[in-house]
């Protein structure tokens, strides 16, 4: 795994918060189910998203995120191939 990637394994109920970057990232769930929350800004409301194994979500650089595992989960944050 390169410096530009991060891999997390979370037990059921375990949570993690992070700031995306440098640069945009793609959050990919390889197993389990995650609940992702991104706080709102004046120009955009907060967002809650459920992600299951095989799903991914684009995350903007500098955004703050929190994830929580609904079932034991593994996820990876990697730079997108093209943005």
Protein backbone atom coordinates (compact mmCIF):
# COMPACT_ATOMS: atom_id res chain seq x y z
CA UNK A 1 0.00 0.00 0.00
CA UNK A 2 1.36 3.42 -0.91
CA UNK A 3 1.46 6.55 1.24
CA UNK A 4 -1.54 7.89 -0.70
CA UNK A 5 -3.77 5.00 0.47
CA UNK A 6 -5.26 4.19 3.84
CA UNK A 7 -6.81 0.87 4.87
CA UNK A 8 -9.14 0.56 7.85
CA UNK A 9 -10.65 -2.48 9.54
CA UNK A 10 -13.48 -1.59 11.91
CA UNK A 11 -15.34 -3.87 14.32
CA UNK A 12 -19.12 -3.57 14.54
CA UNK A 13 -19.98 -0.23 16.20
CA UNK A 14 -16.43 1.11 15.93
CA UNK A 15 -16.10 4.64 14.50
CA UNK A 16 -13.34 6.66 12.89
CA UNK A 17 -13.14 10.30 11.82
CA UNK A 18 -10.69 11.76 9.33
CA UNK A 19 -9.94 14.63 6.99
CA UNK A 20 -9.57 13.73 3.32
CA UNK A 21 -6.34 14.57 1.55
CA UNK A 22 -4.13 15.69 0.28
CA UNK A 23 -6.23 15.54 -2.86
CA UNK A 24 -9.56 13.87 -3.49
CA UNK A 25 -10.11 10.24 -2.48
CA UNK A 26 -12.43 7.38 -3.29
CA UNK A 27 -13.73 5.49 -0.24
CA UNK A 28 -14.24 1.82 -1.16
CA UNK A 29 -15.89 -0.70 1.13
CA UNK A 30 -14.41 -4.16 0.61
CA UNK A 31 -16.49 -5.97 3.24
CA UNK A 32 -19.25 -5.23 5.74
CA UNK A 33 -21.38 -2.10 5.88
CA UNK A 34 -20.41 1.49 6.79
CA UNK A 35 -22.33 4.58 7.75
CA UNK A 36 -20.53 7.71 6.52
CA UNK A 37 -21.34 11.23 7.72
CA UNK A 38 -20.02 14.44 6.22
CA UNK A 39 -20.82 17.64 8.16
CA UNK A 40 -22.71 20.39 6.38
CA UNK A 41 -21.50 23.75 5.18
CA UNK A 42 -23.49 26.92 4.48
CA UNK A 43 -23.66 26.00 0.78
CA UNK A 44 -24.37 22.27 1.29
CA UNK A 45 -26.30 20.31 3.95
CA UNK A 46 -24.76 17.48 5.94
CA UNK A 47 -24.86 14.06 4.32
CA UNK A 48 -25.35 10.56 5.72
CA UNK A 49 -24.71 7.62 3.42
CA UNK A 50 -24.82 3.84 3.91
CA UNK A 51 -22.17 1.93 1.95
CA UNK A 52 -22.04 -1.84 1.52
CA UNK A 53 -19.27 -4.13 0.33
CA UNK A 54 -18.43 -3.31 -3.28
CA UNK A 55 -19.68 0.29 -3.11
CA UNK A 56 -17.56 3.44 -3.21
CA UNK A 57 -18.00 7.17 -2.76
CA UNK A 58 -15.97 10.14 -4.00
CA UNK A 59 -14.68 12.39 -1.20
CA UNK A 60 -13.45 15.94 -1.84
CA UNK A 61 -10.04 17.02 -0.59
CA UNK A 62 -10.25 18.73 2.79
CA UNK A 63 -13.67 17.32 3.67
CA UNK A 64 -14.20 15.95 7.16
CA UNK A 65 -15.80 12.52 7.44
CA UNK A 66 -16.84 10.07 10.10
CA UNK A 67 -17.49 6.38 9.43
CA UNK A 68 -19.00 3.74 11.66
CA UNK A 69 -19.21 0.02 11.00
CA UNK A 70 -22.72 -1.46 11.13
CA UNK A 71 -21.09 -4.87 10.71
CA UNK A 72 -17.37 -5.62 10.81
CA UNK A 73 -16.02 -3.74 7.83
CA UNK A 74 -12.90 -3.13 5.80
CA UNK A 75 -12.54 -0.01 3.71
CA UNK A 76 -9.88 1.74 1.72
CA UNK A 77 -9.39 5.41 0.85
CA UNK A 78 -7.49 5.82 -2.39
CA UNK A 79 -6.95 8.59 -4.94
CA UNK A 80 -9.43 8.29 -7.83
CA UNK A 81 -7.99 7.26 -11.20
CA UNK A 82 -9.45 10.34 -12.83
CA UNK A 83 -11.18 13.31 -11.30
